[in-house]
Amino acid sequence: MKAWNPAGGEGALVMSGGGARGAYQAGVLAGLADLGLIANGEPLPFGVLVGSSAGAINAAGLAAFAERPVEGILALVKAWSDVEAQQVFRTDLRSLGGIGVRWARDLSLGGLMGKVSPKALLDTEPLRGTIQGWIPFEQIARNIEAGALRSLVLTATNLHTATGVIFVDGAPEQPLWNQARRHVERAQIGVDHVLASSAIPLLFPPVLLEERWFGDGSIRNTAPLSPAIHMGAQRILAVGVREPRAEGEIHEQARGRSAPSIAEIAGVLLDAVMLDAIEVDVDHSERVNESVRRCAQALPGQPFRRVDVLAVHPSEDIGALAHELADRVPRVVRYLMRGLGSDEAITELTSYLLFDPLFCGRLIELGREDVKANRDEIERFFAEPAELPVVPG
């Protein structure tokens, strides 16, 4: 199987956020390697890697091993397979108890005190060392200089201006672009950029980077495919971390239930911020492609081009798996979360915080199985076509 030629940024990989759900993306990459679609000694079939939140971790990890991608994928699989909560956030009673006390104090007395101190539910100080242990960041620039990768793109959100920031690490001649409510800038991507992109709102604290405070890249990332398209990608593999569900099924599940708890509302908000955008953008790209096709037939020579997109999503409900394994969340964290709602109500929040070898291992295997189950479609997407239908533009 010959992968498409990534020269000129023809292929791009886009990975969304989702906390611990990011292990699924490592499984999808492993599945592509299992099929030989990503192989050492061959060009990485993605000239552009785009990530936000957990997807930023996986994109940076793959970028660091672009010249030997299978080795990088195996490193990501091992990292996610071995990850434990204490590698991501503090789980000791003293740290979490102190945060809980400060939340209670400031929520009840903040008006009298005139200030508040809590910035997040968890203290993620251990995450820096964990990511530095996972990713040899110095290799990213070398791989870009050697031509093994054209660009690594990570997104974050400036929490004071409420604008998205797109960090582009690539060749100096790579042109940037302007976009409403999103600022694009060059950067030599390091651990701070990954931490900024993966600072899940409310759960993880903001990250200070270049005198600016950043939060999760998914907050303002309403068009996650956009950076890849602006950088000239003709084909995009988009890896989400939520299973698609039929509309009727969703509405039936909502009937006859009691008023939602704070935990359920928080779960809905996080889903909207972290998971919805990639699904919406893939649907949007399909509609645009259809419009481009019709425009090309009616008005040849128009400045539009087709961008083929293949979306890979979990075939199983990750939230249900998180509920099954919820007792593996550190006890003190479960105690704090239960103040927001019942065990069932905190399921969605649990799926973001279940940094656990069993849970992440199951997600990795699910990613591999989903690639295998969709092998024919994926191989057709990777196969180099005789003629790629692109409208000049």
Protein backbone atom coordinates (compact mmCIF):
# COMPACT_ATOMS: atom_id res chain seq x y z
CA MET A 1 0.00 0.00 0.00
CA LYS A 2 1.42 3.33 -1.08
CA ALA A 3 0.39 6.23 1.12
CA TRP A 4 -0.38 9.52 -0.57
CA ASN A 5 2.52 11.87 -1.10
CA PRO A 6 2.55 14.39 1.77
CA ALA A 7 4.73 16.89 -0.12
CA GLY A 8 3.18 20.33 -0.10
CA GLY A 9 0.99 19.47 2.83
CA GLU A 10 -1.41 17.32 0.82
CA GLY A 11 -2.29 15.18 3.86
CA ALA A 12 -3.20 16.42 7.34
CA LEU A 13 -4.13 14.77 10.62
CA VAL A 14 -6.50 16.63 12.96
CA MET A 15 -7.09 15.42 16.53
CA SER A 16 -9.59 16.92 18.96
CA GLY A 17 -9.57 17.20 22.74
CA GLY A 18 -11.09 15.12 25.50
CA GLY A 19 -8.77 14.58 28.45
CA ALA A 20 -8.20 10.88 29.10
CA ARG A 21 -10.25 10.11 25.99
CA GLY A 22 -7.12 11.06 24.04
CA ALA A 23 -5.92 7.48 24.52
CA TYR A 24 -8.37 6.52 21.77
CA GLN A 25 -6.40 8.62 19.28
CA ALA A 26 -3.21 6.75 20.14
CA GLY A 27 -5.13 3.54 19.40
CA VAL A 28 -6.22 4.85 16.00
CA LEU A 29 -2.61 5.73 15.14
CA ALA A 30 -1.54 2.26 16.24
CA GLY A 31 -4.26 0.77 14.04
CA LEU A 32 -2.93 2.70 11.02
CA ALA A 33 0.55 1.36 11.78
CA ASP A 34 -0.90 -2.17 12.10
CA LEU A 35 -2.20 -1.86 8.53
CA GLY A 36 1.14 -0.55 7.28
CA LEU A 37 -0.35 2.82 6.39
CA ILE A 38 2.19 4.47 8.68
CA ALA A 39 5.61 2.86 8.56
CA ASN A 40 9.20 3.61 9.57
CA GLY A 41 11.40 4.37 6.59
CA GLU A 42 8.49 5.91 4.66
CA PRO A 43 7.26 9.51 4.67
CA LEU A 44 4.68 10.29 7.32
CA PRO A 45 1.44 10.51 5.31
CA PHE A 46 0.56 13.78 7.03
CA GLY A 47 2.53 16.89 6.13
CA VAL A 48 0.53 18.84 8.72
CA LEU A 49 -0.38 17.72 12.25
CA VAL A 50 -3.11 19.68 14.06
CA GLY A 51 -4.14 19.12 17.67
CA SER A 52 -6.06 20.69 20.51
CA SER A 53 -6.21 19.60 24.16
CA ALA A 54 -5.40 15.88 24.40
CA GLY A 55 -5.02 15.94 20.63
CA ALA A 56 -2.20 18.46 21.11
CA ILE A 57 -0.30 15.90 23.20
CA ASN A 58 -0.69 13.24 20.53
CA ALA A 59 0.12 15.61 17.66
CA ALA A 60 3.29 16.85 19.37
CA GLY A 61 4.28 13.29 20.24
CA LEU A 62 3.93 12.18 16.62
CA ALA A 63 5.73 15.31 15.35
CA ALA A 64 8.73 14.52 17.54
CA PHE A 65 9.05 11.13 15.82
CA ALA A 66 8.03 12.16 12.30
CA GLU A 67 11.14 10.57 10.77
CA ARG A 68 10.36 7.24 12.50
CA PRO A 69 6.62 7.45 13.15
CA VAL A 70 5.97 3.87 14.23
CA GLU A 71 8.44 4.34 17.09
CA GLY A 72 6.58 7.50 18.06
CA ILE A 73 3.22 5.75 17.96
CA LEU A 74 4.52 2.93 20.14
CA ALA A 75 5.84 5.53 22.59
CA LEU A 76 2.41 7.19 22.73
CA VAL A 77 0.67 3.85 23.20
CA LYS A 78 3.00 2.95 26.05
CA ALA A 79 2.59 6.37 27.66
CA TRP A 80 -1.21 6.20 27.59
CA SER A 81 -1.20 2.54 28.65
CA ASP A 82 0.86 3.32 31.74
CA VAL A 83 -0.61 6.70 32.69
CA GLU A 84 -2.00 7.14 36.19
CA ALA A 85 -3.92 10.00 37.71
CA GLN A 86 -1.04 11.17 39.91
CA GLN A 87 1.02 11.77 36.76
CA VAL A 88 -1.57 14.30 35.60
CA PHE A 89 -2.88 16.00 38.76
CA ARG A 90 -2.23 15.88 42.48
CA THR A 91 -4.29 13.18 44.15
CA ASP A 92 -3.14 13.44 47.77
CA LEU A 93 -5.70 14.37 50.42
CA ARG A 94 -3.82 17.50 51.48
CA SER A 95 -3.75 19.05 47.99
CA LEU A 96 -7.29 18.14 46.98
CA GLY A 97 -8.68 18.92 50.43
CA GLY A 98 -7.08 22.36 50.33
CA ILE A 99 -8.63 23.05 46.93
CA GLY A 100 -12.03 21.91 48.20
CA VAL A 101 -11.81 24.12 51.27
CA ARG A 102 -10.83 27.15 49.18
CA TRP A 103 -13.73 26.54 46.77
CA ALA A 104 -16.19 26.28 49.66
CA ARG A 105 -14.77 29.36 51.36
CA ASP A 106 -14.75 31.56 48.28
CA LEU A 107 -18.16 30.47 47.02
CA SER A 108 -19.70 31.29 50.39
CA LEU A 109 -17.58 34.26 51.52
CA GLY A 110 -16.08 35.58 48.29
CA GLY A 111 -18.51 38.49 48.21
CA LEU A 112 -17.39 39.63 51.64
CA MET A 113 -13.69 39.02 51.03
CA GLY A 114 -13.70 40.77 47.66
CA LYS A 115 -11.45 38.15 46.05
CA VAL A 116 -11.32 34.47 45.15
CA SER A 117 -8.36 32.12 44.92
CA PRO A 118 -9.41 28.84 43.22
CA LYS A 119 -8.64 28.70 39.51
CA ALA A 120 -9.54 25.05 38.85
CA LEU A 121 -10.80 21.92 40.50
CA LEU A 122 -7.43 20.16 40.22
CA ASP A 123 -3.73 20.95 40.56
CA THR A 124 -2.00 19.72 37.39
CA GLU A 125 1.59 20.50 38.41
CA PRO A 126 2.68 16.85 37.75
CA LEU A 127 1.51 17.03 34.13
CA ARG A 128 4.47 19.14 33.02
CA GLY A 129 7.02 16.49 33.97
CA THR A 130 4.84 13.74 32.51
CA ILE A 131 4.59 15.40 29.10
CA GLN A 132 8.30 16.22 29.07
CA GLY A 133 8.96 12.55 29.72
CA TRP A 134 6.67 11.52 26.88
CA ILE A 135 7.80 13.93 24.16
CA PRO A 136 11.36 14.90 23.07
CA PHE A 137 10.37 18.40 21.96
CA GLU A 138 13.82 19.22 20.60
CA GLN A 139 13.21 16.69 17.81
CA ILE A 140 10.25 18.62 16.37
CA ALA A 141 12.35 21.45 14.91
CA ARG A 142 14.88 18.93 13.57
CA ASN A 143 12.15 16.97 11.81
CA ILE A 144 10.70 20.12 10.26
CA GLU A 145 14.15 21.24 9.11
CA ALA A 146 14.84 17.78 7.64
CA GLY A 147 11.54 17.77 5.75
CA ALA A 148 10.03 14.85 7.66
CA LEU A 149 7.16 17.16 8.66
CA ARG A 150 5.95 20.46 7.26
CA SER A 151 4.08 21.91 10.23
CA LEU A 152 2.82 21.19 13.72
CA VAL A 153 -0.20 23.29 14.68
CA LEU A 154 -1.64 23.54 18.19
CA THR A 155 -4.57 25.65 19.35
CA ALA A 156 -5.12 27.38 22.69
CA THR A 157 -7.47 30.07 24.05
CA ASN A 158 -6.38 33.43 25.42
CA LEU A 159 -8.58 33.63 28.51
CA HIS A 160 -8.39 37.42 28.87
CA THR A 161 -9.26 38.29 25.27
CA ALA A 162 -11.51 35.24 24.64
CA THR A 163 -9.75 34.67 21.32
CA GLY A 164 -8.33 31.49 19.92
CA VAL A 165 -4.60 31.38 19.28
CA ILE A 166 -3.18 29.05 16.65
CA PHE A 167 0.51 28.23 17.19
CA VAL A 168 2.27 27.16 13.99
CA ASP A 169 5.67 25.47 14.16
CA GLY A 170 6.88 25.08 10.60
CA ALA A 171 9.27 26.25 7.94
CA PRO A 172 9.78 30.06 7.86
CA GLU A 173 8.44 30.22 4.30
CA GLN A 174 5.14 28.69 5.42
CA PRO A 175 2.62 31.54 4.97
CA LEU A 176 0.26 32.32 7.83
CA TRP A 177 -3.30 33.58 7.53
CA ASN A 178 -5.78 35.86 9.27
CA GLN A 179 -9.02 34.65 10.81
CA ALA A 180 -11.81 36.29 12.80
CA ARG A 181 -11.58 35.70 16.58
CA ARG A 182 -8.48 33.55 16.08
CA HIS A 183 -4.90 34.81 16.06
CA VAL A 184 -2.28 32.85 14.12
CA GLU A 185 1.35 33.10 15.18
CA ARG A 186 4.64 31.30 14.68
CA ALA A 187 6.09 29.40 17.61
CA GLN A 188 8.72 26.84 18.47
CA ILE A 189 6.32 24.50 20.17
CA GLY A 190 7.34 23.15 23.55
CA VAL A 191 5.80 21.78 26.70
CA ASP A 192 4.16 25.11 27.64
CA HIS A 193 2.20 25.20 24.38
CA VAL A 194 0.94 21.66 24.95
CA LEU A 195 0.00 22.45 28.56
CA ALA A 196 -1.83 25.60 27.43
CA SER A 197 -3.74 23.72 24.75
CA SER A 198 -4.77 20.95 27.17
CA ALA A 199 -5.88 23.08 30.16
CA ILE A 200 -9.46 21.73 30.36
CA PRO A 201 -11.74 24.56 31.53
CA LEU A 202 -12.70 24.48 35.23
CA LEU A 203 -10.91 21.16 35.77
CA PHE A 204 -7.33 22.23 34.96
CA PRO A 205 -5.81 25.64 35.83
CA PRO A 206 -4.87 28.21 33.15
CA VAL A 207 -1.30 28.21 31.85
CA LEU A 208 0.95 31.28 31.66
CA LEU A 209 2.74 31.47 28.32
CA GLU A 210 4.57 34.55 27.01
CA GLU A 211 2.84 36.80 29.58
CA ARG A 212 -0.62 35.57 28.53
CA TRP A 213 -2.98 33.20 30.32
CA PHE A 214 -4.24 30.33 28.19
CA GLY A 215 -6.88 27.65 28.51
CA ASP A 216 -7.91 24.64 26.47
CA GLY A 217 -7.63 25.04 22.72
CA SER A 218 -11.07 23.54 22.18
CA ILE A 219 -12.86 26.50 23.80
CA ARG A 220 -12.58 28.72 20.73
CA ASN A 221 -11.79 25.97 18.24
CA THR A 222 -15.14 26.06 16.44
CA ALA A 223 -13.58 24.99 13.12
CA PRO A 224 -10.85 22.43 13.98
CA LEU A 225 -10.25 21.49 10.32
CA SER A 226 -9.63 25.11 9.37
CA PRO A 227 -5.86 25.28 10.13
CA ALA A 228 -5.20 22.21 7.97
CA ILE A 229 -7.25 23.65 5.11
CA HIS A 230 -5.50 27.04 5.35
CA MET A 231 -2.18 25.22 5.16
CA GLY A 232 -3.12 23.61 1.86
CA ALA A 233 -4.25 20.13 2.91
CA GLN A 234 -6.18 18.30 0.20
CA ARG A 235 -7.01 15.36 2.46
CA ILE A 236 -7.70 15.36 6.18
CA LEU A 237 -7.99 12.46 8.59
CA ALA A 238 -10.00 13.74 11.57
CA VAL A 239 -9.99 11.66 14.77
CA GLY A 240 -12.70 12.44 17.30
CA VAL A 241 -13.23 10.92 20.73
CA ARG A 242 -17.01 10.56 20.93
CA GLU A 243 -19.24 7.94 19.35
CA PRO A 244 -21.86 9.17 16.88
CA ARG A 245 -25.45 8.56 18.02
CA ALA A 246 -28.73 8.64 16.16
CA GLU A 247 -30.77 11.78 16.80
CA GLY A 248 -33.86 9.77 17.79
CA GLU A 249 -31.88 7.79 20.36
CA ILE A 250 -30.60 10.98 21.98
CA HIS A 251 -34.07 12.47 22.35
CA GLU A 252 -35.57 9.25 23.73
CA GLN A 253 -32.89 9.09 26.44
CA ALA A 254 -33.84 12.61 27.56
CA ARG A 255 -37.53 11.89 28.23
CA GLY A 256 -38.92 11.68 31.75
CA ARG A 257 -35.71 12.55 33.58
CA SER A 258 -35.36 14.82 36.59
CA ALA A 259 -33.79 18.27 36.46
CA PRO A 260 -30.06 18.02 35.65
CA SER A 261 -27.48 18.34 38.40
CA ILE A 262 -24.47 20.66 38.28
CA ALA A 263 -22.35 17.68 37.20
CA GLU A 264 -24.63 16.94 34.25
CA ILE A 265 -24.67 20.58 33.18
CA ALA A 266 -20.87 20.72 33.47
CA GLY A 267 -20.66 17.54 31.39
CA VAL A 268 -22.88 19.05 28.69
CA LEU A 269 -20.77 22.22 28.62
CA LEU A 270 -17.52 20.26 28.36
CA ASP A 271 -18.94 18.07 25.61
CA ALA A 272 -20.01 21.17 23.70
CA VAL A 273 -16.59 22.77 24.11
CA MET A 274 -14.40 19.70 23.66
CA LEU A 275 -16.22 17.24 21.43
CA ASP A 276 -18.90 18.87 19.27
CA ALA A 277 -16.73 21.06 17.04
CA ILE A 278 -14.97 18.34 15.07
CA GLU A 279 -18.25 16.58 14.28
CA VAL A 280 -19.88 19.82 13.15
CA ASP A 281 -16.85 20.80 11.06
CA VAL A 282 -16.70 17.42 9.32
CA ASP A 283 -20.39 17.76 8.40
CA HIS A 284 -19.72 21.30 7.19
CA SER A 285 -16.81 20.15 5.03
CA GLU A 286 -19.02 17.56 3.36
CA ARG A 287 -21.59 20.22 2.46
CA VAL A 288 -18.86 22.53 1.15
CA ASN A 289 -17.38 19.73 -0.96
CA GLU A 290 -20.76 19.11 -2.52
CA SER A 291 -21.09 22.82 -3.30
CA VAL A 292 -17.59 22.85 -4.80
CA ARG A 293 -18.46 19.86 -6.97
CA ARG A 294 -21.57 21.56 -8.33
CA CYS A 295 -19.74 24.86 -8.78
CA ALA A 296 -16.96 23.14 -10.71
CA GLN A 297 -19.48 21.63 -13.10
CA ALA A 298 -21.40 24.87 -13.63
CA LEU A 299 -18.56 27.41 -13.50
CA PRO A 300 -15.15 25.86 -14.26
CA GLY A 301 -12.13 27.76 -12.97
CA GLN A 302 -13.71 29.10 -9.77
CA PRO A 303 -11.22 29.66 -6.88
CA PHE A 304 -12.47 26.81 -4.72
CA ARG A 305 -11.02 23.40 -4.05
CA ARG A 306 -12.29 20.11 -2.74
CA VAL A 307 -10.87 18.81 0.56
CA ASP A 308 -11.50 15.13 1.22
CA VAL A 309 -12.18 14.38 4.88
CA LEU A 310 -12.37 11.01 6.61
CA ALA A 311 -13.61 11.04 10.21
CA VAL A 312 -12.80 8.25 12.66
CA HIS A 313 -14.90 8.09 15.83
CA PRO A 314 -15.25 5.53 18.65
CA SER A 315 -17.76 2.80 17.87
CA GLU A 316 -18.62 2.45 21.56
CA ASP A 317 -19.90 4.85 24.22
CA ILE A 318 -16.78 6.04 26.07
CA GLY A 319 -18.97 7.63 28.74
CA ALA A 320 -20.53 4.23 29.49
CA LEU A 321 -17.07 2.68 29.82
CA ALA A 322 -16.05 5.49 32.17
CA HIS A 323 -19.13 4.81 34.30
CA GLU A 324 -18.19 1.13 34.46
CA LEU A 325 -14.67 1.98 35.66
CA ALA A 326 -15.53 5.07 37.74
CA ASP A 327 -14.24 3.44 40.94
CA ARG A 328 -10.74 3.70 39.48
CA VAL A 329 -10.81 7.50 39.80
CA PRO A 330 -8.83 8.44 42.94
CA ARG A 331 -11.11 8.33 45.96
CA VAL A 332 -10.60 11.95 46.99
CA VAL A 333 -11.38 13.14 43.44
CA ARG A 334 -14.57 11.05 43.43
CA TYR A 335 -15.52 12.59 46.75
CA LEU A 336 -15.13 16.13 45.37
CA MET A 337 -17.03 15.28 42.18
CA ARG A 338 -19.91 13.70 44.07
CA GLY A 339 -20.56 17.10 45.55
CA LEU A 340 -21.71 18.02 42.03
CA GLY A 341 -24.05 15.07 41.48
CA SER A 342 -24.64 11.32 41.63
CA ASP A 343 -22.29 8.65 40.25
CA GLU A 344 -24.36 8.52 37.06
CA ALA A 345 -24.42 12.30 36.77
CA ILE A 346 -20.63 12.62 36.92
CA THR A 347 -20.05 10.02 34.17
CA GLU A 348 -19.07 12.56 31.51
CA LEU A 349 -16.69 14.37 33.87
CA THR A 350 -15.21 11.00 34.84
CA SER A 351 -14.40 10.18 31.22
CA TYR A 352 -12.14 13.27 31.07
CA LEU A 353 -10.28 12.45 34.29
CA LEU A 354 -9.93 8.66 34.19
CA PHE A 355 -6.19 8.61 33.61
CA ASP A 356 -5.93 4.94 34.39
CA PRO A 357 -4.12 2.05 32.63
CA LEU A 358 -7.26 -0.09 32.36
CA PHE A 359 -9.50 2.66 30.98
CA CYS A 360 -6.87 4.09 28.61
CA GLY A 361 -5.83 0.58 27.57
CA ARG A 362 -9.42 -0.20 26.63
CA LEU A 363 -9.60 3.00 24.58
CA ILE A 364 -6.37 2.15 22.76
CA GLU A 365 -7.73 -1.27 21.84
CA LEU A 366 -11.01 0.31 20.74
CA GLY A 367 -9.10 2.67 18.43
CA ARG A 368 -7.20 -0.23 16.91
CA GLU A 369 -10.39 -2.25 16.46
CA ASP A 370 -12.23 0.65 14.84
CA VAL A 371 -9.46 1.08 12.28
CA LYS A 372 -9.52 -2.65 11.55
CA ALA A 373 -13.32 -2.67 11.27
CA ASN A 374 -13.19 0.19 8.73
CA ARG A 375 -10.11 -1.08 6.94
CA ASP A 376 -11.54 -0.95 3.43
CA GLU A 377 -12.74 2.64 3.73
CA ILE A 378 -9.50 3.77 5.36
CA GLU A 379 -7.28 2.06 2.80
CA ARG A 380 -9.28 3.61 -0.04
CA PHE A 381 -8.76 7.00 1.58
CA PHE A 382 -5.02 6.44 1.89
CA ALA A 383 -4.59 4.96 -1.59
CA GLU A 384 -3.12 7.39 -4.08
CA PRO A 385 -5.85 8.15 -6.64
CA ALA A 386 -5.25 8.43 -10.34
CA GLU A 387 -6.82 11.86 -10.32
CA LEU A 388 -7.70 13.93 -7.28
CA PRO A 389 -10.80 16.06 -7.93
CA VAL A 390 -9.56 19.52 -7.05
CA VAL A 391 -10.93 22.76 -8.39
CA PRO A 392 -8.07 25.18 -9.14
CA GLY A 393 -7.74 27.82 -6.45
